[in-house]
Amino acid sequence: MGKFNKLLTSLQDEELEPQPQNGAKPQEVSTQVRQFIPRDRIVRDENQVRKYFDVEKLNGLAQTIAEEGILEDLAVYEISERPGYYQLVFGERRYRASGIAGLDKVPVRVIEKPDEKKLLKLQLIENKHHEDLNPVEEVEGALALLAAELEKPVETVIALLKQMDNDVRRASYNVIGQPESDVIIKLLEGLNIKWRSFVLNQLPLLGLSPDVLEPIRQGKIEYTKALAISRLKDEEQRQEVLQEAITQNLSIRDIRDRIKQLSQSKKSTSQPSDYLKRFNAVSRQLKKTDAWENQEKRDRLETLLKEIEDLVK
């Protein structure tokens, strides 16, 4: 189910405290009580880890909901600044699909507003029980957890990770024992991720060009294949190989062979200009050389010039 399983399994049994309603004490509201509230009173979380939802799968879920209803409640908390409105904690796939199915109300559990770290963890738990995050979302999710734990912006966390990698390359330096480094290493190990592997193999995903990044988000291509394709600097060639890899389900070896083929073709087409550069350089040297004063060398040069003239006729 992806690299978050170890942490998410440990979080699965965390208690969700119910939000008191109408002045009721917390213990008087059971987390098992199902409430139905209007869909238009639910506010989606724009910052959640999952960004991409497969349209075909959403339509399939919508059909199931239309026939059987929503079997598993959404989790929400009441927005204090907007009484009667609720922030969605998890269950966005069901929320979206219920709209497609034409439902006006959806079943929810109203919980106490979680802090930022717990909110993120709860959303990751939800994804564990349903669809895996794609590789890009996994990276973003891990970074979001680190940012919440360290109370620093994601950009700062990325810089810290890169600095750790730079530091560890110095043989005399050990990142273990550095407070922020220890937090990062421990949290990533909890996700079953080796921190250096994360820096070297997963973090680079966020630097990919949008044309390569989007198919990964959509689950159309494995990130290892996309990374190989991203090495093609020519946008047209990159798109060509990307589409071939997706439609023909090319293996990583096939992709590398295709890239090699394109590189050789490009080298072949660039040779004439390379030859012209060399020829121009030789011409400049001929104007400066004293070889013409040597009869033997002059005869040899004249022979070579005649051969060139014959070749280009």
C-alpha atoms as a PDB file:
ATOM      1  CA  MET A   1       0.000   0.000   0.000  1.00  0.00           C
ATOM      2  CA  GLY A   2       2.938   2.378  -0.331  1.00  0.00           C
ATOM      3  CA  LYS A   3       5.663   3.593   1.992  1.00  0.00           C
ATOM      4  CA  PHE A   4       3.328   5.235   4.535  1.00  0.00           C
ATOM      5  CA  ASN A   5       1.957   1.900   5.809  1.00  0.00           C
ATOM      6  CA  LYS A   6       4.185   1.515   8.839  1.00  0.00           C
ATOM      7  CA  LEU A   7       3.286   4.903  10.296  1.00  0.00           C
ATOM      8  CA  LEU A   8      -0.344   4.807   9.238  1.00  0.00           C
ATOM      9  CA  THR A   9      -0.936   1.405  10.809  1.00  0.00           C
ATOM     10  CA  SER A  10       0.333   2.740  14.124  1.00  0.00           C
ATOM     11  CA  LEU A  11      -1.975   5.748  13.814  1.00  0.00           C
ATOM     12  CA  GLN A  12      -5.027   3.759  12.773  1.00  0.00           C
ATOM     13  CA  ASP A  13      -6.303   3.226  16.307  1.00  0.00           C
ATOM     14  CA  GLU A  14      -5.975   6.864  17.428  1.00  0.00           C
ATOM     15  CA  GLU A  15      -9.154   8.082  19.126  1.00  0.00           C
ATOM     16  CA  LEU A  16     -11.198  10.689  17.286  1.00  0.00           C
ATOM     17  CA  GLU A  17     -12.806  12.909  19.900  1.00  0.00           C
ATOM     18  CA  PRO A  18     -16.392  13.923  19.070  1.00  0.00           C
ATOM     19  CA  GLN A  19     -17.280  17.599  18.801  1.00  0.00           C
ATOM     20  CA  PRO A  20     -19.956  18.638  21.329  1.00  0.00           C
ATOM     21  CA  GLN A  21     -23.171  19.717  19.604  1.00  0.00           C
ATOM     22  CA  ASN A  22     -25.816  22.087  21.035  1.00  0.00           C
ATOM     23  CA  GLY A  23     -24.010  22.399  24.356  1.00  0.00           C
ATOM     24  CA  ALA A  24     -23.718  18.664  24.926  1.00  0.00           C
ATOM     25  CA  LYS A  25     -20.735  17.375  26.879  1.00  0.00           C
ATOM     26  CA  PRO A  26     -18.152  15.476  24.827  1.00  0.00           C
ATOM     27  CA  GLN A  27     -18.922  12.129  26.449  1.00  0.00           C
ATOM     28  CA  GLU A  28     -22.584  12.473  25.465  1.00  0.00           C
ATOM     29  CA  VAL A  29     -21.763  12.319  21.745  1.00  0.00           C
ATOM     30  CA  SER A  30     -20.622   8.968  20.356  1.00  0.00           C
ATOM     31  CA  THR A  31     -18.199   8.765  17.441  1.00  0.00           C
ATOM     32  CA  GLN A  32     -20.493   6.035  16.103  1.00  0.00           C
ATOM     33  CA  VAL A  33     -23.439   8.427  15.672  1.00  0.00           C
ATOM     34  CA  ARG A  34     -24.111   9.093  12.016  1.00  0.00           C
ATOM     35  CA  GLN A  35     -25.429  12.487  11.014  1.00  0.00           C
ATOM     36  CA  PHE A  36     -26.635  13.615   7.603  1.00  0.00           C
ATOM     37  CA  ILE A  37     -25.725  17.141   6.580  1.00  0.00           C
ATOM     38  CA  PRO A  38     -26.143  19.014   3.269  1.00  0.00           C
ATOM     39  CA  ARG A  39     -23.223  18.659   0.860  1.00  0.00           C
ATOM     40  CA  ASP A  40     -23.175  22.403   0.302  1.00  0.00           C
ATOM     41  CA  ARG A  41     -22.386  22.899   4.000  1.00  0.00           C
ATOM     42  CA  ILE A  42     -19.128  20.938   3.656  1.00  0.00           C
ATOM     43  CA  VAL A  43     -15.922  22.784   2.776  1.00  0.00           C
ATOM     44  CA  ARG A  44     -13.196  20.802   1.030  1.00  0.00           C
ATOM     45  CA  ASP A  45      -9.612  20.937   2.298  1.00  0.00           C
ATOM     46  CA  GLU A  46      -7.554  22.546  -0.466  1.00  0.00           C
ATOM     47  CA  ASN A  47      -4.311  21.620   1.301  1.00  0.00           C
ATOM     48  CA  GLN A  48      -4.797  17.887   1.613  1.00  0.00           C
ATOM     49  CA  VAL A  49      -2.074  15.575   0.322  1.00  0.00           C
ATOM     50  CA  ARG A  50      -4.150  13.902  -2.377  1.00  0.00           C
ATOM     51  CA  LYS A  51      -4.425  16.191  -5.395  1.00  0.00           C
ATOM     52  CA  TYR A  52      -5.475  13.859  -8.193  1.00  0.00           C
ATOM     53  CA  PHE A  53      -8.695  11.856  -8.414  1.00  0.00           C
ATOM     54  CA  ASP A  54      -9.165   9.474 -11.320  1.00  0.00           C
ATOM     55  CA  VAL A  55     -12.355  10.465 -13.169  1.00  0.00           C
ATOM     56  CA  GLU A  56     -13.189   6.924 -14.265  1.00  0.00           C
ATOM     57  CA  LYS A  57     -12.862   5.588 -10.719  1.00  0.00           C
ATOM     58  CA  LEU A  58     -14.906   8.490  -9.350  1.00  0.00           C
ATOM     59  CA  ASN A  59     -17.699   7.701 -11.800  1.00  0.00           C
ATOM     60  CA  GLY A  60     -17.575   4.051 -10.758  1.00  0.00           C
ATOM     61  CA  LEU A  61     -17.825   5.011  -7.099  1.00  0.00           C
ATOM     62  CA  ALA A  62     -20.677   7.409  -7.905  1.00  0.00           C
ATOM     63  CA  GLN A  63     -22.620   4.568  -9.507  1.00  0.00           C
ATOM     64  CA  THR A  64     -22.099   2.417  -6.410  1.00  0.00           C
ATOM     65  CA  ILE A  65     -23.225   5.281  -4.164  1.00  0.00           C
ATOM     66  CA  ALA A  66     -26.321   5.862  -6.301  1.00  0.00           C
ATOM     67  CA  GLU A  67     -27.254   2.195  -5.878  1.00  0.00           C
ATOM     68  CA  GLU A  68     -26.174   1.513  -2.295  1.00  0.00           C
ATOM     69  CA  GLY A  69     -25.565   4.898  -0.676  1.00  0.00           C
ATOM     70  CA  ILE A  70     -22.403   5.948   1.172  1.00  0.00           C
ATOM     71  CA  LEU A  71     -21.397   3.028   3.364  1.00  0.00           C
ATOM     72  CA  GLU A  72     -18.564   4.760   5.229  1.00  0.00           C
ATOM     73  CA  ASP A  73     -19.077   8.149   6.874  1.00  0.00           C
ATOM     74  CA  LEU A  74     -17.071  11.232   6.024  1.00  0.00           C
ATOM     75  CA  ALA A  75     -15.231  12.924   8.895  1.00  0.00           C
ATOM     76  CA  VAL A  76     -15.708  16.661   9.423  1.00  0.00           C
ATOM     77  CA  TYR A  77     -15.354  19.307  12.099  1.00  0.00           C
ATOM     78  CA  GLU A  78     -17.491  22.400  12.543  1.00  0.00           C
ATOM     79  CA  ILE A  79     -15.909  25.664  11.386  1.00  0.00           C
ATOM     80  CA  SER A  80     -16.053  27.983  14.386  1.00  0.00           C
ATOM     81  CA  GLU A  81     -16.070  31.102  12.208  1.00  0.00           C
ATOM     82  CA  ARG A  82     -18.972  29.749  10.106  1.00  0.00           C
ATOM     83  CA  PRO A  83     -21.532  28.033  12.341  1.00  0.00           C
ATOM     84  CA  GLY A  84     -23.410  25.337  10.478  1.00  0.00           C
ATOM     85  CA  TYR A  85     -20.545  24.757   8.024  1.00  0.00           C
ATOM     86  CA  TYR A  86     -18.082  21.903   8.272  1.00  0.00           C
ATOM     87  CA  GLN A  87     -14.483  21.357   7.163  1.00  0.00           C
ATOM     88  CA  LEU A  88     -13.865  18.019   5.475  1.00  0.00           C
ATOM     89  CA  VAL A  89     -11.147  15.997   7.230  1.00  0.00           C
ATOM     90  CA  PHE A  90     -11.280  12.871   5.122  1.00  0.00           C
ATOM     91  CA  GLY A  91     -13.595  11.204   2.647  1.00  0.00           C
ATOM     92  CA  GLU A  92     -13.144  13.542  -0.318  1.00  0.00           C
ATOM     93  CA  ARG A  93     -13.502  10.743  -2.880  1.00  0.00           C
ATOM     94  CA  ARG A  94     -16.894   9.877  -1.420  1.00  0.00           C
ATOM     95  CA  TYR A  95     -17.762  13.570  -1.208  1.00  0.00           C
ATOM     96  CA  ARG A  96     -16.952  14.138  -4.885  1.00  0.00           C
ATOM     97  CA  ALA A  97     -18.642  10.943  -6.007  1.00  0.00           C
ATOM     98  CA  SER A  98     -21.782  11.783  -4.007  1.00  0.00           C
ATOM     99  CA  GLY A  99     -22.070  15.006  -6.013  1.00  0.00           C
ATOM    100  CA  ILE A 100     -21.855  13.044  -9.262  1.00  0.00           C
ATOM    101  CA  ALA A 101     -24.494  10.666  -7.896  1.00  0.00           C
ATOM    102  CA  GLY A 102     -26.793  13.610  -7.166  1.00  0.00           C
ATOM    103  CA  LEU A 103     -26.936  13.330  -3.368  1.00  0.00           C
ATOM    104  CA  ASP A 104     -28.020  16.444  -1.460  1.00  0.00           C
ATOM    105  CA  LYS A 105     -26.944  15.151   1.951  1.00  0.00           C
ATOM    106  CA  VAL A 106     -24.092  12.896   3.045  1.00  0.00           C
ATOM    107  CA  PRO A 107     -23.432  10.881   6.227  1.00  0.00           C
ATOM    108  CA  VAL A 108     -20.712  12.286   8.480  1.00  0.00           C
ATOM    109  CA  ARG A 109     -19.071  11.963  11.863  1.00  0.00           C
ATOM    110  CA  VAL A 110     -18.403  15.334  13.482  1.00  0.00           C
ATOM    111  CA  ILE A 111     -15.080  15.245  15.311  1.00  0.00           C
ATOM    112  CA  GLU A 112     -13.095  17.762  17.313  1.00  0.00           C
ATOM    113  CA  LYS A 113     -10.890  19.976  15.170  1.00  0.00           C
ATOM    114  CA  PRO A 114      -7.478  18.273  14.938  1.00  0.00           C
ATOM    115  CA  ASP A 115      -4.205  20.163  14.954  1.00  0.00           C
ATOM    116  CA  GLU A 116      -2.206  20.392  11.733  1.00  0.00           C
ATOM    117  CA  LYS A 117      -0.096  17.291  12.381  1.00  0.00           C
ATOM    118  CA  LYS A 118      -3.003  15.095  13.376  1.00  0.00           C
ATOM    119  CA  LEU A 119      -5.089  16.364  10.451  1.00  0.00           C
ATOM    120  CA  LEU A 120      -2.393  15.304   8.017  1.00  0.00           C
ATOM    121  CA  LYS A 121      -2.010  11.926   9.708  1.00  0.00           C
ATOM    122  CA  LEU A 122      -5.761  11.313   9.621  1.00  0.00           C
ATOM    123  CA  GLN A 123      -5.855  12.077   5.907  1.00  0.00           C
ATOM    124  CA  LEU A 124      -2.996   9.665   5.308  1.00  0.00           C
ATOM    125  CA  ILE A 125      -4.870   6.982   7.247  1.00  0.00           C
ATOM    126  CA  GLU A 126      -7.848   7.511   4.961  1.00  0.00           C
ATOM    127  CA  ASN A 127      -5.688   7.071   1.882  1.00  0.00           C
ATOM    128  CA  LYS A 128      -4.235   3.867   3.332  1.00  0.00           C
ATOM    129  CA  HIS A 129      -7.699   2.367   3.618  1.00  0.00           C
ATOM    130  CA  HIS A 130      -8.663   3.315   0.075  1.00  0.00           C
ATOM    131  CA  GLU A 131      -6.288   4.245  -2.745  1.00  0.00           C
ATOM    132  CA  ASP A 132      -2.530   4.606  -2.481  1.00  0.00           C
ATOM    133  CA  LEU A 133      -1.035   8.012  -2.925  1.00  0.00           C
ATOM    134  CA  ASN A 134       0.883   8.327  -6.160  1.00  0.00           C
ATOM    135  CA  PRO A 135       4.693   8.752  -5.845  1.00  0.00           C
ATOM    136  CA  VAL A 136       4.515  12.542  -6.107  1.00  0.00           C
ATOM    137  CA  GLU A 137       1.869  12.736  -3.379  1.00  0.00           C
ATOM    138  CA  GLU A 138       3.959  10.381  -1.221  1.00  0.00           C
ATOM    139  CA  VAL A 139       6.901  12.787  -1.439  1.00  0.00           C
ATOM    140  CA  GLU A 140       4.665  15.782  -0.760  1.00  0.00           C
ATOM    141  CA  GLY A 141       3.019  13.943   2.135  1.00  0.00           C
ATOM    142  CA  ALA A 142       6.348  13.067   3.738  1.00  0.00           C
ATOM    143  CA  LEU A 143       7.531  16.656   3.350  1.00  0.00           C
ATOM    144  CA  ALA A 144       4.284  17.962   4.841  1.00  0.00           C
ATOM    145  CA  LEU A 145       4.719  15.693   7.875  1.00  0.00           C
ATOM    146  CA  LEU A 146       8.312  16.836   8.306  1.00  0.00           C
ATOM    147  CA  ALA A 147       7.279  20.473   7.960  1.00  0.00           C
ATOM    148  CA  ALA A 148       4.557  20.059  10.585  1.00  0.00           C
ATOM    149  CA  GLU A 149       6.880  18.209  12.960  1.00  0.00           C
ATOM    150  CA  LEU A 150       9.715  20.727  12.602  1.00  0.00           C
ATOM    151  CA  GLU A 151       7.312  23.686  12.406  1.00  0.00           C
ATOM    152  CA  LYS A 152       9.110  24.966   9.332  1.00  0.00           C
ATOM    153  CA  PRO A 153       8.022  25.685   5.741  1.00  0.00           C
ATOM    154  CA  VAL A 154       8.349  22.822   3.262  1.00  0.00           C
ATOM    155  CA  GLU A 155      10.996  24.799   1.352  1.00  0.00           C
ATOM    156  CA  THR A 156      13.124  24.951   4.504  1.00  0.00           C
ATOM    157  CA  VAL A 157      12.694  21.206   5.059  1.00  0.00           C
ATOM    158  CA  ILE A 158      13.861  20.512   1.501  1.00  0.00           C
ATOM    159  CA  ALA A 159      16.889  22.741   2.071  1.00  0.00           C
ATOM    160  CA  LEU A 160      17.655  20.876   5.322  1.00  0.00           C
ATOM    161  CA  LEU A 161      17.473  17.508   3.559  1.00  0.00           C
ATOM    162  CA  LYS A 162      19.814  18.674   0.823  1.00  0.00           C
ATOM    163  CA  GLN A 163      22.182  20.147   3.398  1.00  0.00           C
ATOM    164  CA  MET A 164      22.188  16.833   5.274  1.00  0.00           C
ATOM    165  CA  ASP A 165      23.115  15.047   2.060  1.00  0.00           C
ATOM    166  CA  ASN A 166      25.890  17.552   1.335  1.00  0.00           C
ATOM    167  CA  ASP A 167      27.209  17.239   4.886  1.00  0.00           C
ATOM    168  CA  VAL A 168      27.250  13.451   4.916  1.00  0.00           C
ATOM    169  CA  ARG A 169      29.383  13.454   1.770  1.00  0.00           C
ATOM    170  CA  ARG A 170      32.115  14.891   3.946  1.00  0.00           C
ATOM    171  CA  ALA A 171      33.676  11.767   5.433  1.00  0.00           C
ATOM    172  CA  SER A 172      34.407  13.435   8.754  1.00  0.00           C
ATOM    173  CA  TYR A 173      30.835  14.675   9.260  1.00  0.00           C
ATOM    174  CA  ASN A 174      27.990  12.697  10.815  1.00  0.00           C
ATOM    175  CA  VAL A 175      24.438  14.072  10.669  1.00  0.00           C
ATOM    176  CA  ILE A 176      23.351  11.743  13.488  1.00  0.00           C
ATOM    177  CA  GLY A 177      23.065  13.711  16.711  1.00  0.00           C
ATOM    178  CA  GLN A 178      21.998  16.951  15.071  1.00  0.00           C
ATOM    179  CA  PRO A 179      18.547  17.807  16.543  1.00  0.00           C
ATOM    180  CA  GLU A 180      16.721  18.581  13.294  1.00  0.00           C
ATOM    181  CA  SER A 181      18.490  15.759  11.465  1.00  0.00           C
ATOM    182  CA  ASP A 182      17.442  13.283  14.153  1.00  0.00           C
ATOM    183  CA  VAL A 183      13.796  14.338  13.805  1.00  0.00           C
ATOM    184  CA  ILE A 184      13.941  13.954  10.022  1.00  0.00           C
ATOM    185  CA  ILE A 185      15.666  10.561  10.136  1.00  0.00           C
ATOM    186  CA  LYS A 186      13.305   9.196  12.808  1.00  0.00           C
ATOM    187  CA  LEU A 187      10.139  10.340  11.041  1.00  0.00           C
ATOM    188  CA  LEU A 188      11.226   9.017   7.645  1.00  0.00           C
ATOM    189  CA  GLU A 189      12.268   5.706   9.189  1.00  0.00           C
ATOM    190  CA  GLY A 190       8.758   5.560  10.658  1.00  0.00           C
ATOM    191  CA  LEU A 191       7.535   5.738   7.063  1.00  0.00           C
ATOM    192  CA  ASN A 192       9.973   2.951   6.137  1.00  0.00           C
ATOM    193  CA  ILE A 193      12.031   5.450   4.117  1.00  0.00           C
ATOM    194  CA  LYS A 194      15.815   5.772   4.213  1.00  0.00           C
ATOM    195  CA  TRP A 195      16.485   9.487   4.327  1.00  0.00           C
ATOM    196  CA  ARG A 196      19.319   9.499   1.782  1.00  0.00           C
ATOM    197  CA  SER A 197      17.294   7.396  -0.628  1.00  0.00           C
ATOM    198  CA  PHE A 198      14.483   9.906  -0.182  1.00  0.00           C
ATOM    199  CA  VAL A 199      16.820  12.800  -1.016  1.00  0.00           C
ATOM    200  CA  LEU A 200      18.498  11.097  -3.971  1.00  0.00           C
ATOM    201  CA  ASN A 201      15.595   9.182  -5.535  1.00  0.00           C
ATOM    202  CA  GLN A 202      12.268  10.689  -4.472  1.00  0.00           C
ATOM    203  CA  LEU A 203      12.882  14.372  -3.822  1.00  0.00           C
ATOM    204  CA  PRO A 204      14.002  14.947  -7.459  1.00  0.00           C
ATOM    205  CA  LEU A 205      10.427  14.174  -8.556  1.00  0.00           C
ATOM    206  CA  LEU A 206       9.366  17.645  -7.464  1.00  0.00           C
ATOM    207  CA  GLY A 207      11.887  19.171  -9.848  1.00  0.00           C
ATOM    208  CA  LEU A 208      10.468  17.478 -12.927  1.00  0.00           C
ATOM    209  CA  SER A 209       8.904  19.557 -15.668  1.00  0.00           C
ATOM    210  CA  PRO A 210       5.077  19.697 -15.552  1.00  0.00           C
ATOM    211  CA  ASP A 211       4.712  17.633 -18.742  1.00  0.00           C
ATOM    212  CA  VAL A 212       6.435  14.701 -16.994  1.00  0.00           C
ATOM    213  CA  LEU A 213       5.106  15.334 -13.482  1.00  0.00           C
ATOM    214  CA  GLU A 214       1.413  15.316 -14.387  1.00  0.00           C
ATOM    215  CA  PRO A 215       1.340  11.754 -15.838  1.00  0.00           C
ATOM    216  CA  ILE A 216       2.944  10.530 -12.597  1.00  0.00           C
ATOM    217  CA  ARG A 217       0.226  12.271 -10.575  1.00  0.00           C
ATOM    218  CA  GLN A 218      -2.406  10.634 -12.775  1.00  0.00           C
ATOM    219  CA  GLY A 219      -0.860   7.202 -12.335  1.00  0.00           C
ATOM    220  CA  LYS A 220      -0.192   6.845 -16.055  1.00  0.00           C
ATOM    221  CA  ILE A 221       3.515   6.068 -15.674  1.00  0.00           C
ATOM    222  CA  GLU A 222       5.874   4.828 -12.980  1.00  0.00           C
ATOM    223  CA  TYR A 223       8.084   7.514 -11.503  1.00  0.00           C
ATOM    224  CA  THR A 224      11.294   5.583 -12.299  1.00  0.00           C
ATOM    225  CA  LYS A 225      10.367   5.602 -15.983  1.00  0.00           C
ATOM    226  CA  ALA A 226       9.427   9.270 -15.834  1.00  0.00           C
ATOM    227  CA  LEU A 227      12.768  10.137 -14.238  1.00  0.00           C
ATOM    228  CA  ALA A 228      14.586   8.413 -17.106  1.00  0.00           C
ATOM    229  CA  ILE A 229      12.487  10.269 -19.690  1.00  0.00           C
ATOM    230  CA  SER A 230      13.048  13.600 -17.929  1.00  0.00           C
ATOM    231  CA  ARG A 231      16.733  13.422 -18.872  1.00  0.00           C
ATOM    232  CA  LEU A 232      15.745  14.237 -22.449  1.00  0.00           C
ATOM    233  CA  LYS A 233      16.249  17.978 -22.719  1.00  0.00           C
ATOM    234  CA  ASP A 234      14.485  18.305 -26.063  1.00  0.00           C
ATOM    235  CA  GLU A 235      10.806  18.881 -25.196  1.00  0.00           C
ATOM    236  CA  GLU A 236       9.507  17.361 -28.439  1.00  0.00           C
ATOM    237  CA  GLN A 237      11.576  14.208 -28.010  1.00  0.00           C
ATOM    238  CA  ARG A 238      10.604  14.008 -24.336  1.00  0.00           C
ATOM    239  CA  GLN A 239       6.912  14.140 -25.204  1.00  0.00           C
ATOM    240  CA  GLU A 240       7.397  11.555 -27.942  1.00  0.00           C
ATOM    241  CA  VAL A 241       9.063   9.036 -25.620  1.00  0.00           C
ATOM    242  CA  LEU A 242       6.609   9.817 -22.803  1.00  0.00           C
ATOM    243  CA  GLN A 243       3.594   9.036 -24.978  1.00  0.00           C
ATOM    244  CA  GLU A 244       5.249   5.878 -26.321  1.00  0.00           C
ATOM    245  CA  ALA A 245       6.044   4.729 -22.782  1.00  0.00           C
ATOM    246  CA  ILE A 246       2.436   5.277 -21.679  1.00  0.00           C
ATOM    247  CA  THR A 247       0.609   3.850 -24.701  1.00  0.00           C
ATOM    248  CA  GLN A 248       2.978   0.919 -25.283  1.00  0.00           C
ATOM    249  CA  ASN A 249       3.779   0.293 -21.602  1.00  0.00           C
ATOM    250  CA  LEU A 250       7.506   0.363 -22.356  1.00  0.00           C
ATOM    251  CA  SER A 251       9.877  -1.123 -19.812  1.00  0.00           C
ATOM    252  CA  ILE A 252      12.599   1.027 -18.281  1.00  0.00           C
ATOM    253  CA  ARG A 253      15.089  -0.768 -20.513  1.00  0.00           C
ATOM    254  CA  ASP A 254      13.001  -0.017 -23.609  1.00  0.00           C
ATOM    255  CA  ILE A 255      12.854   3.638 -22.586  1.00  0.00           C
ATOM    256  CA  ARG A 256      16.619   3.863 -22.141  1.00  0.00           C
ATOM    257  CA  ASP A 257      17.170   2.203 -25.525  1.00  0.00           C
ATOM    258  CA  ARG A 258      14.758   4.665 -27.118  1.00  0.00           C
ATOM    259  CA  ILE A 259      16.541   7.617 -25.516  1.00  0.00           C
ATOM    260  CA  LYS A 260      19.894   6.250 -26.689  1.00  0.00           C
ATOM    261  CA  GLN A 261      18.502   5.883 -30.196  1.00  0.00           C
ATOM    262  CA  LEU A 262      17.282   9.479 -30.208  1.00  0.00           C
ATOM    263  CA  SER A 263      20.595  10.724 -28.828  1.00  0.00           C
ATOM    264  CA  GLN A 264      22.525   8.917 -31.567  1.00  0.00           C
ATOM    265  CA  SER A 265      20.155  10.281 -34.195  1.00  0.00           C
ATOM    266  CA  LYS A 266      20.649  13.794 -32.853  1.00  0.00           C
ATOM    267  CA  LYS A 267      24.407  13.310 -32.877  1.00  0.00           C
ATOM    268  CA  SER A 268      24.247  12.096 -36.466  1.00  0.00           C
ATOM    269  CA  THR A 269      22.222  15.104 -37.617  1.00  0.00           C
ATOM    270  CA  SER A 270      24.552  17.482 -35.837  1.00  0.00           C
ATOM    271  CA  GLN A 271      27.701  16.128 -37.510  1.00  0.00           C
ATOM    272  CA  PRO A 272      27.633  18.338 -40.654  1.00  0.00           C
ATOM    273  CA  SER A 273      27.751  21.494 -38.553  1.00  0.00           C
ATOM    274  CA  ASP A 274      30.548  19.969 -36.496  1.00  0.00           C
ATOM    275  CA  TYR A 275      32.531  19.265 -39.676  1.00  0.00           C
ATOM    276  CA  LEU A 276      31.971  22.816 -40.891  1.00  0.00           C
ATOM    277  CA  LYS A 277      33.301  24.183 -37.626  1.00  0.00           C
ATOM    278  CA  ARG A 278      36.391  22.024 -37.976  1.00  0.00           C
ATOM    279  CA  PHE A 279      36.836  23.043 -41.626  1.00  0.00           C
ATOM    280  CA  ASN A 280      36.581  26.735 -40.757  1.00  0.00           C
ATOM    281  CA  ALA A 281      39.104  26.280 -37.967  1.00  0.00           C
ATOM    282  CA  VAL A 282      41.533  24.573 -40.374  1.00  0.00           C
ATOM    283  CA  SER A 283      41.010  27.355 -42.932  1.00  0.00           C
ATOM    284  CA  ARG A 284      41.995  29.940 -40.345  1.00  0.00           C
ATOM    285  CA  GLN A 285      45.086  27.936 -39.489  1.00  0.00           C
ATOM    286  CA  LEU A 286      46.052  27.638 -43.177  1.00  0.00           C
ATOM    287  CA  LYS A 287      46.108  31.410 -43.478  1.00  0.00           C
ATOM    288  CA  LYS A 288      48.595  31.670 -40.641  1.00  0.00           C
ATOM    289  CA  THR A 289      50.785  28.605 -41.235  1.00  0.00           C
ATOM    290  CA  ASP A 290      54.199  28.701 -42.904  1.00  0.00           C
ATOM    291  CA  ALA A 291      53.608  25.222 -44.338  1.00  0.00           C
ATOM    292  CA  TRP A 292      53.153  26.794 -47.773  1.00  0.00           C
ATOM    293  CA  GLU A 293      56.833  27.690 -47.787  1.00  0.00           C
ATOM    294  CA  ASN A 294      57.766  24.013 -47.583  1.00  0.00           C
ATOM    295  CA  GLN A 295      57.462  22.415 -51.027  1.00  0.00           C
ATOM    296  CA  GLU A 296      56.668  18.949 -49.725  1.00  0.00           C
ATOM    297  CA  LYS A 297      53.955  20.212 -47.389  1.00  0.00           C
ATOM    298  CA  ARG A 298      52.531  22.513 -50.079  1.00  0.00           C
ATOM    299  CA  ASP A 299      52.245  19.605 -52.526  1.00  0.00           C
ATOM    300  CA  ARG A 300      50.481  17.533 -49.875  1.00  0.00           C
ATOM    301  CA  LEU A 301      48.065  20.370 -49.074  1.00  0.00           C
ATOM    302  CA  GLU A 302      47.256  20.887 -52.749  1.00  0.00           C
ATOM    303  CA  THR A 303      46.487  17.187 -53.113  1.00  0.00           C
ATOM    304  CA  LEU A 304      44.158  17.269 -50.118  1.00  0.00           C
ATOM    305  CA  LEU A 305      42.409  20.409 -51.338  1.00  0.00           C
ATOM    306  CA  LYS A 306      41.854  18.784 -54.728  1.00  0.00           C
ATOM    307  CA  GLU A 307      40.280  15.748 -53.009  1.00  0.00           C
ATOM    308  CA  ILE A 308      37.943  18.018 -51.032  1.00  0.00           C
ATOM    309  CA  GLU A 309      36.951  19.917 -54.177  1.00  0.00           C
ATOM    310  CA  ASP A 310      36.177  16.660 -55.955  1.00  0.00           C
ATOM    311  CA  LEU A 311      34.081  15.399 -53.017  1.00  0.00           C
ATOM    312  CA  VAL A 312      31.852  18.463 -52.850  1.00  0.00           C
ATOM    313  CA  LYS A 313      31.178  18.721 -56.596  1.00  0.00           C
END
